[in-house]
Every structure is written in structure tokens, then in C-alpha cells.
Amino acid sequence: MSGSTTSENIEAVAIGAFDGMHTAHQELLRRLGHNGAVVVIDKGNATLTPGRERCHYAHYPCLFFELSSIKHLDAKGFVELLKRTFPNLKKIVVGYDFAFGKDRRYGIEDLRRLFDGVVEVVPEQKIEELSIHSRHIKELLRRGEIELANKMLGRLYSVEGRVVAGQGIGKEELVPTINVEVEGFILPKPGVYATYTEIEGKRYPSVTFIGHRLSTDGRFSVETHIIGQKLSKTPKKVRIYFVKYLRPNQKFDTLKDLKAQIQKDIQQAKEKVL
């Protein structure tokens, strides 16, 4: 728990894995009221909002239960754990497909049977006839369908990473780029994107490349070019927000051809982010 909130103050909890904190997850949070908290069942494989990234979008105190530490509990044991953790718990909010325990053998009816407060179930949420699930958002990202993924998330999908040294030819031969090492987050489909890049809390219009540098050294990289700005210093870390997929990764015969295409990419990106 964080801030001045203590577990004794909590009267309602939303429970789930919450990878993505997408619009369906936000629907759970809207049912919490003033004295609410988010209980994250952490499976250790979150890639849309890894680790405590989820708390950034929760706007409620977060408590993490490692799945490995609770998966042995039966339904009664799980409810007792919640009541011990939150002595004044009056309401549990879950999604329509919530299940828990070993092999997900327990479900909503077990909660209702064993918990002496309210169990509120949020029905399935859809966008464009597609159920809003983390797995669907991940698949959209893998296909480069950023705009629909962003609709499901209710925000621009973003990744964060530390800045690393690049090839050294961008500034001299092409355009200056920030090379980013991204860990923990799922990366969208390789290619070029219209993006925003956040540096020290400020967002800049940008164009971002993900993939193997086919025209130069062949190495995988994430590189972002800040449009129309010259940075006074190299940042230590950045966050990249994805707006639109522009084109697939391509191999060019010369750096001159690559630079010409990058200029076209920048123009295209400007139409989306300026």
C-alpha cells in the first residue's frame, strides 16, 4: 500500500492480473468508490504493464500477491487472506471471467458463497466486436494495429527503456536518433511508427524504428528521432508512445536511399503527431 492509505481503510478491492490496465480493467476500478484498492495477482509475465507499471494507471493503492505464493490456496483460504489483509473489506470487484486457485478451479460463485460482503461482477467489455483482453491487445501490437490497441487500452501504448550507444552513423550520415534498450515490455511489430518520445516529463513528436538494421549492421534496435528539436544532452531514459504504424522494415542499397526514406517517414509522422 502507498501514501497515507492503510489496509484498515480499504473497503473495496478489484482483483485481477491487470496486465495493460486497459479499458475493461478501468471499468472494474470505477466500481471501487473512495476507499478502494487494487489487488494484483502477479503471474510474473506482464508485458503491457510490467511490474509496478500497473500502479501508474490504477489511481488507487496497489497490493501485489505473487501467484506462486497463493496458488496453493483453496477458495476459503483465498477469501480468508483477503479478509486478514483488509479487515474492513465490504466489496470485491472482479471481471466476468475471473478464476483463481490451482488450475483456476475456483470462480465467482465460490467468492459469493464464502465472502460475507458484496461481490460485483463486471460484464464483458468489447470494442469493434472484439473482447477487451490483454491477449488481444498483445496480438494487435504484434500485427502493428496500434490504433485499435490504443482504443482498447484507453491511451497510447508506451514502452520505457534506458538510452544506449548506437552505431554512431545516424547523426553524421542519416538523422540523429536516440537508441533505446527496452526490457520487460512487449514491442510492437517491427517497422517505423509515428510516436511521441517523453524525456524528463516532456513529450516530443517523434518517429521510431523497431527491428533489425537491414541496411547497415543487421543488429536489432529501437531508435527514435525527435522531430524538429535538437537536444542539448543525451537523456538516460525515455518513454515512447506509439500513435500509428507507418511502414514495414526495409533494406536499402545505399545510405542515401535510406536517408531519403527516413525524410519521408518524418513527413508522414508529422501529419499524425504535430
C-alpha atoms as a PDB file:
ATOM      1  CA  MET A   1       0.000   0.000   0.000  1.00  0.00           C
ATOM      2  CA  SER A   2       1.155   3.546  -0.613  1.00  0.00           C
ATOM      3  CA  GLY A   3       0.656   7.046   0.704  1.00  0.00           C
ATOM      4  CA  SER A   4      -1.459   7.579   3.819  1.00  0.00           C
ATOM      5  CA  THR A   5      -3.784   4.712   2.912  1.00  0.00           C
ATOM      6  CA  THR A   6      -3.630   1.648   5.153  1.00  0.00           C
ATOM      7  CA  SER A   7      -5.228  -1.742   4.699  1.00  0.00           C
ATOM      8  CA  GLU A   8      -7.658  -0.911   7.540  1.00  0.00           C
ATOM      9  CA  ASN A   9      -9.129   1.936   5.460  1.00  0.00           C
ATOM     10  CA  ILE A  10      -9.847  -0.249   2.446  1.00  0.00           C
ATOM     11  CA  GLU A  11     -13.485  -1.235   1.968  1.00  0.00           C
ATOM     12  CA  ALA A  12     -13.436  -2.414  -1.672  1.00  0.00           C
ATOM     13  CA  VAL A  13     -10.888  -4.225  -3.813  1.00  0.00           C
ATOM     14  CA  ALA A  14     -10.634  -5.006  -7.513  1.00  0.00           C
ATOM     15  CA  ILE A  15      -8.794  -8.272  -8.158  1.00  0.00           C
ATOM     16  CA  GLY A  16      -7.002  -9.405 -11.307  1.00  0.00           C
ATOM     17  CA  ALA A  17      -3.692  -9.712 -13.147  1.00  0.00           C
ATOM     18  CA  PHE A  18      -4.208  -6.244 -14.659  1.00  0.00           C
ATOM     19  CA  ASP A  19      -1.641  -6.513 -17.432  1.00  0.00           C
ATOM     20  CA  GLY A  20      -2.423  -3.484 -19.536  1.00  0.00           C
ATOM     21  CA  MET A  21      -4.720  -1.620 -17.161  1.00  0.00           C
ATOM     22  CA  HIS A  22      -6.906  -1.379 -20.265  1.00  0.00           C
ATOM     23  CA  THR A  23     -10.448  -0.028 -20.564  1.00  0.00           C
ATOM     24  CA  ALA A  24     -12.046  -3.213 -19.214  1.00  0.00           C
ATOM     25  CA  HIS A  25      -9.757  -3.058 -16.180  1.00  0.00           C
ATOM     26  CA  GLN A  26     -10.682   0.587 -15.722  1.00  0.00           C
ATOM     27  CA  GLU A  27     -14.318  -0.467 -15.615  1.00  0.00           C
ATOM     28  CA  LEU A  28     -13.509  -2.577 -12.554  1.00  0.00           C
ATOM     29  CA  LEU A  29     -11.779   0.353 -10.900  1.00  0.00           C
ATOM     30  CA  ARG A  30     -14.771   2.618 -11.498  1.00  0.00           C
ATOM     31  CA  ARG A  31     -16.791   0.380  -9.154  1.00  0.00           C
ATOM     32  CA  LEU A  32     -14.448   0.824  -6.171  1.00  0.00           C
ATOM     33  CA  GLY A  33     -15.539   4.143  -4.698  1.00  0.00           C
ATOM     34  CA  HIS A  34     -13.416   6.241  -2.331  1.00  0.00           C
ATOM     35  CA  ASN A  35     -11.856   3.594  -0.097  1.00  0.00           C
ATOM     36  CA  GLY A  36     -10.739   1.194  -2.778  1.00  0.00           C
ATOM     37  CA  ALA A  37      -7.566  -0.660  -3.657  1.00  0.00           C
ATOM     38  CA  VAL A  38      -6.246  -2.811  -6.476  1.00  0.00           C
ATOM     39  CA  VAL A  39      -5.134  -6.357  -5.714  1.00  0.00           C
ATOM     40  CA  VAL A  40      -2.744  -7.515  -8.442  1.00  0.00           C
ATOM     41  CA  ILE A  41      -2.274 -11.250  -8.845  1.00  0.00           C
ATOM     42  CA  ASP A  42       1.201 -11.068 -10.351  1.00  0.00           C
ATOM     43  CA  LYS A  43       1.994 -14.002 -12.624  1.00  0.00           C
ATOM     44  CA  GLY A  44       5.405 -12.578 -13.448  1.00  0.00           C
ATOM     45  CA  ASN A  45       4.695 -12.383 -17.183  1.00  0.00           C
ATOM     46  CA  ALA A  46       3.100  -8.954 -17.609  1.00  0.00           C
ATOM     47  CA  THR A  47       4.442  -7.256 -20.751  1.00  0.00           C
ATOM     48  CA  LEU A  48       1.940  -4.441 -21.396  1.00  0.00           C
ATOM     49  CA  THR A  49       2.345  -3.010 -17.894  1.00  0.00           C
ATOM     50  CA  PRO A  50       5.151  -4.990 -16.264  1.00  0.00           C
ATOM     51  CA  GLY A  51       5.816  -4.840 -12.524  1.00  0.00           C
ATOM     52  CA  ARG A  52       4.609  -1.749 -10.761  1.00  0.00           C
ATOM     53  CA  GLU A  53       3.904  -0.046 -14.087  1.00  0.00           C
ATOM     54  CA  ARG A  54       0.314  -1.088 -13.396  1.00  0.00           C
ATOM     55  CA  CYS A  55       0.107   1.239 -10.391  1.00  0.00           C
ATOM     56  CA  HIS A  56       0.775   4.229 -12.656  1.00  0.00           C
ATOM     57  CA  TYR A  57      -2.599   3.684 -14.334  1.00  0.00           C
ATOM     58  CA  ALA A  58      -4.538   2.455 -11.302  1.00  0.00           C
ATOM     59  CA  HIS A  59      -5.116   5.744  -9.414  1.00  0.00           C
ATOM     60  CA  TYR A  60      -5.704   3.563  -6.348  1.00  0.00           C
ATOM     61  CA  PRO A  61      -3.323   1.957  -3.862  1.00  0.00           C
ATOM     62  CA  CYS A  62      -1.923  -1.316  -5.220  1.00  0.00           C
ATOM     63  CA  LEU A  63      -1.126  -4.512  -3.377  1.00  0.00           C
ATOM     64  CA  PHE A  64       0.694  -7.335  -5.144  1.00  0.00           C
ATOM     65  CA  PHE A  65       0.222 -11.027  -4.453  1.00  0.00           C
ATOM     66  CA  GLU A  66       2.751 -13.231  -6.237  1.00  0.00           C
ATOM     67  CA  LEU A  67       0.812 -16.032  -7.903  1.00  0.00           C
ATOM     68  CA  SER A  68       3.397 -18.568  -6.781  1.00  0.00           C
ATOM     69  CA  SER A  69       2.747 -17.663  -3.145  1.00  0.00           C
ATOM     70  CA  ILE A  70      -1.057 -18.040  -3.243  1.00  0.00           C
ATOM     71  CA  LYS A  71      -1.828 -20.611  -5.935  1.00  0.00           C
ATOM     72  CA  HIS A  72      -1.939 -23.394  -3.328  1.00  0.00           C
ATOM     73  CA  LEU A  73      -4.884 -21.749  -1.536  1.00  0.00           C
ATOM     74  CA  ASP A  74      -8.385 -23.114  -1.886  1.00  0.00           C
ATOM     75  CA  ALA A  75     -11.358 -20.760  -2.173  1.00  0.00           C
ATOM     76  CA  LYS A  76     -11.822 -20.462   1.589  1.00  0.00           C
ATOM     77  CA  GLY A  77      -8.128 -19.794   2.143  1.00  0.00           C
ATOM     78  CA  PHE A  78      -8.083 -17.067  -0.515  1.00  0.00           C
ATOM     79  CA  VAL A  79     -11.098 -15.263   0.939  1.00  0.00           C
ATOM     80  CA  GLU A  80      -9.607 -15.514   4.424  1.00  0.00           C
ATOM     81  CA  LEU A  81      -6.372 -13.987   3.111  1.00  0.00           C
ATOM     82  CA  LEU A  82      -8.313 -11.038   1.687  1.00  0.00           C
ATOM     83  CA  LYS A  83     -10.188 -10.518   4.965  1.00  0.00           C
ATOM     84  CA  ARG A  84      -6.984 -10.672   7.011  1.00  0.00           C
ATOM     85  CA  THR A  85      -5.296  -8.206   4.690  1.00  0.00           C
ATOM     86  CA  PHE A  86      -8.302  -5.861   4.564  1.00  0.00           C
ATOM     87  CA  PRO A  87     -10.155  -6.165   7.918  1.00  0.00           C
ATOM     88  CA  ASN A  88     -12.957  -3.800   6.829  1.00  0.00           C
ATOM     89  CA  LEU A  89     -13.487  -5.260   3.371  1.00  0.00           C
ATOM     90  CA  LYS A  90     -17.092  -4.941   2.240  1.00  0.00           C
ATOM     91  CA  LYS A  91     -16.877  -5.345  -1.536  1.00  0.00           C
ATOM     92  CA  ILE A  92     -14.935  -7.376  -4.091  1.00  0.00           C
ATOM     93  CA  VAL A  93     -14.976  -6.381  -7.760  1.00  0.00           C
ATOM     94  CA  VAL A  94     -13.923  -8.876 -10.454  1.00  0.00           C
ATOM     95  CA  GLY A  95     -14.332  -9.418 -14.176  1.00  0.00           C
ATOM     96  CA  TYR A  96     -16.862 -11.854 -15.649  1.00  0.00           C
ATOM     97  CA  ASP A  97     -14.171 -14.474 -16.351  1.00  0.00           C
ATOM     98  CA  PHE A  98     -12.376 -14.269 -13.008  1.00  0.00           C
ATOM     99  CA  ALA A  99     -10.987 -17.546 -11.708  1.00  0.00           C
ATOM    100  CA  PHE A 100      -8.425 -18.365  -9.030  1.00  0.00           C
ATOM    101  CA  GLY A 101      -6.688 -21.158  -7.169  1.00  0.00           C
ATOM    102  CA  LYS A 102      -4.699 -24.074  -8.523  1.00  0.00           C
ATOM    103  CA  ASP A 103      -5.599 -24.720 -12.181  1.00  0.00           C
ATOM    104  CA  ARG A 104      -8.127 -21.833 -11.863  1.00  0.00           C
ATOM    105  CA  ARG A 105     -10.567 -24.251 -10.290  1.00  0.00           C
ATOM    106  CA  TYR A 106     -12.454 -21.633  -8.236  1.00  0.00           C
ATOM    107  CA  GLY A 107     -14.589 -18.797  -9.522  1.00  0.00           C
ATOM    108  CA  ILE A 108     -17.160 -16.111  -8.870  1.00  0.00           C
ATOM    109  CA  GLU A 109     -19.730 -18.404  -7.223  1.00  0.00           C
ATOM    110  CA  ASP A 110     -17.115 -19.512  -4.704  1.00  0.00           C
ATOM    111  CA  LEU A 111     -16.447 -15.871  -3.822  1.00  0.00           C
ATOM    112  CA  ARG A 112     -20.158 -15.204  -3.384  1.00  0.00           C
ATOM    113  CA  ARG A 113     -20.562 -18.288  -1.215  1.00  0.00           C
ATOM    114  CA  LEU A 114     -17.649 -17.548   1.094  1.00  0.00           C
ATOM    115  CA  PHE A 115     -17.451 -13.746   1.246  1.00  0.00           C
ATOM    116  CA  ASP A 116     -19.979 -12.038   3.513  1.00  0.00           C
ATOM    117  CA  GLY A 117     -19.940  -8.768   1.580  1.00  0.00           C
ATOM    118  CA  VAL A 118     -20.791  -7.716  -1.970  1.00  0.00           C
ATOM    119  CA  VAL A 119     -19.219  -9.442  -4.977  1.00  0.00           C
ATOM    120  CA  GLU A 120     -19.688  -7.221  -8.025  1.00  0.00           C
ATOM    121  CA  VAL A 121     -19.013  -8.744 -11.429  1.00  0.00           C
ATOM    122  CA  VAL A 122     -18.179  -6.507 -14.402  1.00  0.00           C
ATOM    123  CA  PRO A 123     -19.574  -7.933 -17.654  1.00  0.00           C
ATOM    124  CA  GLU A 124     -17.555  -8.498 -20.814  1.00  0.00           C
ATOM    125  CA  GLN A 125     -16.371  -5.285 -22.464  1.00  0.00           C
ATOM    126  CA  LYS A 126     -15.949  -5.024 -26.251  1.00  0.00           C
ATOM    127  CA  ILE A 127     -14.614  -2.638 -28.876  1.00  0.00           C
ATOM    128  CA  GLU A 128     -15.440  -3.257 -32.534  1.00  0.00           C
ATOM    129  CA  GLU A 129     -16.965  -6.620 -31.544  1.00  0.00           C
ATOM    130  CA  LEU A 130     -13.645  -7.768 -30.064  1.00  0.00           C
ATOM    131  CA  SER A 131     -13.496  -8.635 -26.377  1.00  0.00           C
ATOM    132  CA  ILE A 132     -11.090  -6.388 -24.479  1.00  0.00           C
ATOM    133  CA  HIS A 133      -8.375  -8.686 -23.140  1.00  0.00           C
ATOM    134  CA  SER A 134      -4.652  -8.275 -22.645  1.00  0.00           C
ATOM    135  CA  ARG A 135      -4.002 -11.188 -25.005  1.00  0.00           C
ATOM    136  CA  HIS A 136      -5.968  -9.468 -27.783  1.00  0.00           C
ATOM    137  CA  ILE A 137      -4.064  -6.208 -27.257  1.00  0.00           C
ATOM    138  CA  LYS A 138      -0.756  -8.075 -27.426  1.00  0.00           C
ATOM    139  CA  GLU A 139      -1.804  -9.709 -30.685  1.00  0.00           C
ATOM    140  CA  LEU A 140      -2.814  -6.327 -32.138  1.00  0.00           C
ATOM    141  CA  LEU A 141       0.604  -4.931 -31.207  1.00  0.00           C
ATOM    142  CA  ARG A 142       2.342  -7.892 -32.848  1.00  0.00           C
ATOM    143  CA  ARG A 143       0.387  -7.116 -36.025  1.00  0.00           C
ATOM    144  CA  GLY A 144       1.156  -3.394 -35.875  1.00  0.00           C
ATOM    145  CA  GLU A 145      -2.520  -2.484 -35.344  1.00  0.00           C
ATOM    146  CA  ILE A 146      -1.605   0.280 -32.941  1.00  0.00           C
ATOM    147  CA  GLU A 147      -4.742   2.377 -33.253  1.00  0.00           C
ATOM    148  CA  LEU A 148      -7.123  -0.420 -32.216  1.00  0.00           C
ATOM    149  CA  ALA A 149      -4.741  -1.486 -29.444  1.00  0.00           C
ATOM    150  CA  ASN A 150      -4.753   2.101 -28.168  1.00  0.00           C
ATOM    151  CA  LYS A 151      -8.568   2.168 -28.209  1.00  0.00           C
ATOM    152  CA  MET A 152      -8.635  -0.938 -26.041  1.00  0.00           C
ATOM    153  CA  LEU A 153      -6.043   0.488 -23.676  1.00  0.00           C
ATOM    154  CA  GLY A 154      -7.795   3.847 -23.479  1.00  0.00           C
ATOM    155  CA  ARG A 155      -4.431   5.551 -24.033  1.00  0.00           C
ATOM    156  CA  LEU A 156      -1.368   5.419 -26.266  1.00  0.00           C
ATOM    157  CA  TYR A 157       0.632   2.254 -25.770  1.00  0.00           C
ATOM    158  CA  SER A 158       4.069   3.084 -24.409  1.00  0.00           C
ATOM    159  CA  VAL A 159       7.341   1.424 -23.502  1.00  0.00           C
ATOM    160  CA  GLU A 160      10.200   2.708 -21.393  1.00  0.00           C
ATOM    161  CA  GLY A 161      13.888   1.998 -21.696  1.00  0.00           C
ATOM    162  CA  ARG A 162      17.355   3.228 -20.987  1.00  0.00           C
ATOM    163  CA  VAL A 163      19.358   5.077 -23.609  1.00  0.00           C
ATOM    164  CA  VAL A 164      22.331   3.167 -25.035  1.00  0.00           C
ATOM    165  CA  ALA A 165      25.058   3.874 -27.574  1.00  0.00           C
ATOM    166  CA  GLY A 166      24.108   3.354 -31.217  1.00  0.00           C
ATOM    167  CA  GLN A 167      26.120   2.774 -34.387  1.00  0.00           C
ATOM    168  CA  GLY A 168      27.357   6.337 -34.492  1.00  0.00           C
ATOM    169  CA  ILE A 169      26.365   6.919 -38.105  1.00  0.00           C
ATOM    170  CA  GLY A 170      22.895   8.391 -37.552  1.00  0.00           C
ATOM    171  CA  LYS A 171      23.946  11.901 -36.652  1.00  0.00           C
ATOM    172  CA  GLU A 172      26.584  12.088 -39.393  1.00  0.00           C
ATOM    173  CA  GLU A 173      25.062  10.124 -42.273  1.00  0.00           C
ATOM    174  CA  LEU A 174      21.306   9.934 -41.596  1.00  0.00           C
ATOM    175  CA  VAL A 175      19.372  11.724 -38.840  1.00  0.00           C
ATOM    176  CA  PRO A 176      20.191  11.872 -35.114  1.00  0.00           C
ATOM    177  CA  THR A 177      18.450   9.144 -33.121  1.00  0.00           C
ATOM    178  CA  ILE A 178      18.180   8.030 -29.525  1.00  0.00           C
ATOM    179  CA  ASN A 179      18.880   4.323 -29.187  1.00  0.00           C
ATOM    180  CA  VAL A 180      16.770   2.656 -26.523  1.00  0.00           C
ATOM    181  CA  GLU A 181      17.155  -0.674 -24.743  1.00  0.00           C
ATOM    182  CA  VAL A 182      13.656  -1.846 -23.829  1.00  0.00           C
ATOM    183  CA  GLU A 183      13.224  -4.642 -21.293  1.00  0.00           C
ATOM    184  CA  GLY A 184      10.054  -6.183 -19.878  1.00  0.00           C
ATOM    185  CA  PHE A 185       7.623  -4.573 -22.336  1.00  0.00           C
ATOM    186  CA  ILE A 186       6.214  -6.214 -25.446  1.00  0.00           C
ATOM    187  CA  LEU A 187       7.404  -4.361 -28.537  1.00  0.00           C
ATOM    188  CA  PRO A 188       5.049  -3.732 -31.455  1.00  0.00           C
ATOM    189  CA  LYS A 189       5.609  -5.254 -34.875  1.00  0.00           C
ATOM    190  CA  PRO A 190       8.975  -4.325 -36.433  1.00  0.00           C
ATOM    191  CA  GLY A 191       8.768  -1.266 -38.624  1.00  0.00           C
ATOM    192  CA  VAL A 192       8.508   2.515 -38.469  1.00  0.00           C
ATOM    193  CA  TYR A 193       5.979   4.371 -36.302  1.00  0.00           C
ATOM    194  CA  ALA A 194       4.701   7.868 -35.681  1.00  0.00           C
ATOM    195  CA  THR A 195       5.323   8.347 -31.976  1.00  0.00           C
ATOM    196  CA  TYR A 196       5.849  10.711 -29.105  1.00  0.00           C
ATOM    197  CA  THR A 197       9.035  10.395 -27.074  1.00  0.00           C
ATOM    198  CA  GLU A 198       8.964  11.547 -23.469  1.00  0.00           C
ATOM    199  CA  ILE A 199      12.165  12.917 -21.977  1.00  0.00           C
ATOM    200  CA  GLU A 200      12.225  14.138 -18.385  1.00  0.00           C
ATOM    201  CA  GLY A 201       8.453  14.521 -18.347  1.00  0.00           C
ATOM    202  CA  LYS A 202       8.113  16.349 -21.674  1.00  0.00           C
ATOM    203  CA  ARG A 203       6.684  14.702 -24.800  1.00  0.00           C
ATOM    204  CA  TYR A 204       8.215  15.416 -28.200  1.00  0.00           C
ATOM    205  CA  PRO A 205       6.812  14.432 -31.618  1.00  0.00           C
ATOM    206  CA  SER A 206       8.999  11.662 -32.994  1.00  0.00           C
ATOM    207  CA  VAL A 207       9.391   8.842 -35.477  1.00  0.00           C
ATOM    208  CA  THR A 208      10.550   5.479 -34.139  1.00  0.00           C
ATOM    209  CA  PHE A 209      12.145   2.439 -35.755  1.00  0.00           C
ATOM    210  CA  ILE A 210      11.909  -1.087 -34.342  1.00  0.00           C
ATOM    211  CA  GLY A 211      13.735  -4.000 -35.919  1.00  0.00           C
ATOM    212  CA  HIS A 212      16.977  -5.279 -37.381  1.00  0.00           C
ATOM    213  CA  ARG A 213      19.028  -2.607 -39.151  1.00  0.00           C
ATOM    214  CA  LEU A 214      18.936  -4.359 -42.515  1.00  0.00           C
ATOM    215  CA  SER A 215      20.735  -1.583 -44.375  1.00  0.00           C
ATOM    216  CA  THR A 216      23.719  -1.326 -42.014  1.00  0.00           C
ATOM    217  CA  ASP A 217      24.940  -3.746 -39.323  1.00  0.00           C
ATOM    218  CA  GLY A 218      21.892  -6.048 -39.138  1.00  0.00           C
ATOM    219  CA  ARG A 219      21.523  -5.657 -35.375  1.00  0.00           C
ATOM    220  CA  PHE A 220      18.170  -5.307 -33.627  1.00  0.00           C
ATOM    221  CA  SER A 221      17.462  -1.833 -32.329  1.00  0.00           C
ATOM    222  CA  VAL A 222      14.816   0.567 -31.095  1.00  0.00           C
ATOM    223  CA  GLU A 223      15.679   4.064 -32.337  1.00  0.00           C
ATOM    224  CA  THR A 224      13.669   7.244 -32.023  1.00  0.00           C
ATOM    225  CA  HIS A 225      14.223  10.553 -33.817  1.00  0.00           C
ATOM    226  CA  ILE A 226      12.892  13.721 -32.199  1.00  0.00           C
ATOM    227  CA  ILE A 227      11.199  15.809 -34.883  1.00  0.00           C
ATOM    228  CA  GLY A 228      12.262  19.436 -35.166  1.00  0.00           C
ATOM    229  CA  GLN A 229      14.258  19.509 -31.927  1.00  0.00           C
ATOM    230  CA  LYS A 230      17.959  19.408 -31.135  1.00  0.00           C
ATOM    231  CA  LEU A 231      18.567  18.005 -27.680  1.00  0.00           C
ATOM    232  CA  SER A 232      21.222  19.734 -25.580  1.00  0.00           C
ATOM    233  CA  LYS A 233      22.163  16.476 -23.852  1.00  0.00           C
ATOM    234  CA  THR A 234      21.549  12.766 -24.207  1.00  0.00           C
ATOM    235  CA  PRO A 235      18.898  11.541 -21.754  1.00  0.00           C
ATOM    236  CA  LYS A 236      19.417   8.488 -19.547  1.00  0.00           C
ATOM    237  CA  LYS A 237      15.978   7.020 -20.236  1.00  0.00           C
ATOM    238  CA  VAL A 238      12.956   7.739 -22.412  1.00  0.00           C
ATOM    239  CA  ARG A 239       9.380   6.603 -22.856  1.00  0.00           C
ATOM    240  CA  ILE A 240       7.993   6.062 -26.358  1.00  0.00           C
ATOM    241  CA  TYR A 241       4.253   6.416 -27.096  1.00  0.00           C
ATOM    242  CA  PHE A 242       3.018   4.709 -30.273  1.00  0.00           C
ATOM    243  CA  VAL A 243       0.494   6.560 -32.448  1.00  0.00           C
ATOM    244  CA  LYS A 244       0.476   4.913 -35.898  1.00  0.00           C
ATOM    245  CA  TYR A 245       2.313   2.228 -37.852  1.00  0.00           C
ATOM    246  CA  LEU A 246       3.841   3.833 -40.947  1.00  0.00           C
ATOM    247  CA  ARG A 247       5.677   1.111 -42.862  1.00  0.00           C
ATOM    248  CA  PRO A 248       7.496  -2.235 -42.550  1.00  0.00           C
ATOM    249  CA  ASN A 249      11.232  -2.600 -42.095  1.00  0.00           C
ATOM    250  CA  GLN A 250      13.089  -2.427 -45.426  1.00  0.00           C
ATOM    251  CA  LYS A 251      16.601  -2.929 -46.777  1.00  0.00           C
ATOM    252  CA  PHE A 252      18.117  -0.056 -48.770  1.00  0.00           C
ATOM    253  CA  ASP A 253      21.127  -0.373 -51.075  1.00  0.00           C
ATOM    254  CA  THR A 254      22.727   2.897 -50.019  1.00  0.00           C
ATOM    255  CA  LEU A 255      22.665   5.226 -47.016  1.00  0.00           C
ATOM    256  CA  LYS A 256      21.464   7.940 -49.410  1.00  0.00           C
ATOM    257  CA  ASP A 257      18.362   5.880 -50.218  1.00  0.00           C
ATOM    258  CA  LEU A 258      17.800   5.132 -46.538  1.00  0.00           C
ATOM    259  CA  LYS A 259      18.080   8.805 -45.621  1.00  0.00           C
ATOM    260  CA  ALA A 260      15.575   9.754 -48.344  1.00  0.00           C
ATOM    261  CA  GLN A 261      13.096   7.247 -46.924  1.00  0.00           C
ATOM    262  CA  ILE A 262      13.671   8.488 -43.370  1.00  0.00           C
ATOM    263  CA  GLN A 263      12.798  12.015 -44.521  1.00  0.00           C
ATOM    264  CA  LYS A 264       9.551  10.654 -45.974  1.00  0.00           C
ATOM    265  CA  ASP A 265       8.876   8.865 -42.675  1.00  0.00           C
ATOM    266  CA  ILE A 266       9.385  12.102 -40.776  1.00  0.00           C
ATOM    267  CA  GLN A 267       6.916  13.920 -43.020  1.00  0.00           C
ATOM    268  CA  GLN A 268       4.351  11.165 -42.552  1.00  0.00           C
ATOM    269  CA  ALA A 269       4.855  11.154 -38.810  1.00  0.00           C
ATOM    270  CA  LYS A 270       4.405  14.933 -38.648  1.00  0.00           C
ATOM    271  CA  GLU A 271       0.879  14.536 -40.036  1.00  0.00           C
ATOM    272  CA  LYS A 272      -0.003  12.296 -37.083  1.00  0.00           C
ATOM    273  CA  VAL A 273       1.811  13.890 -34.144  1.00  0.00           C
ATOM    274  CA  LEU A 274       2.117  17.627 -34.845  1.00  0.00           C
END
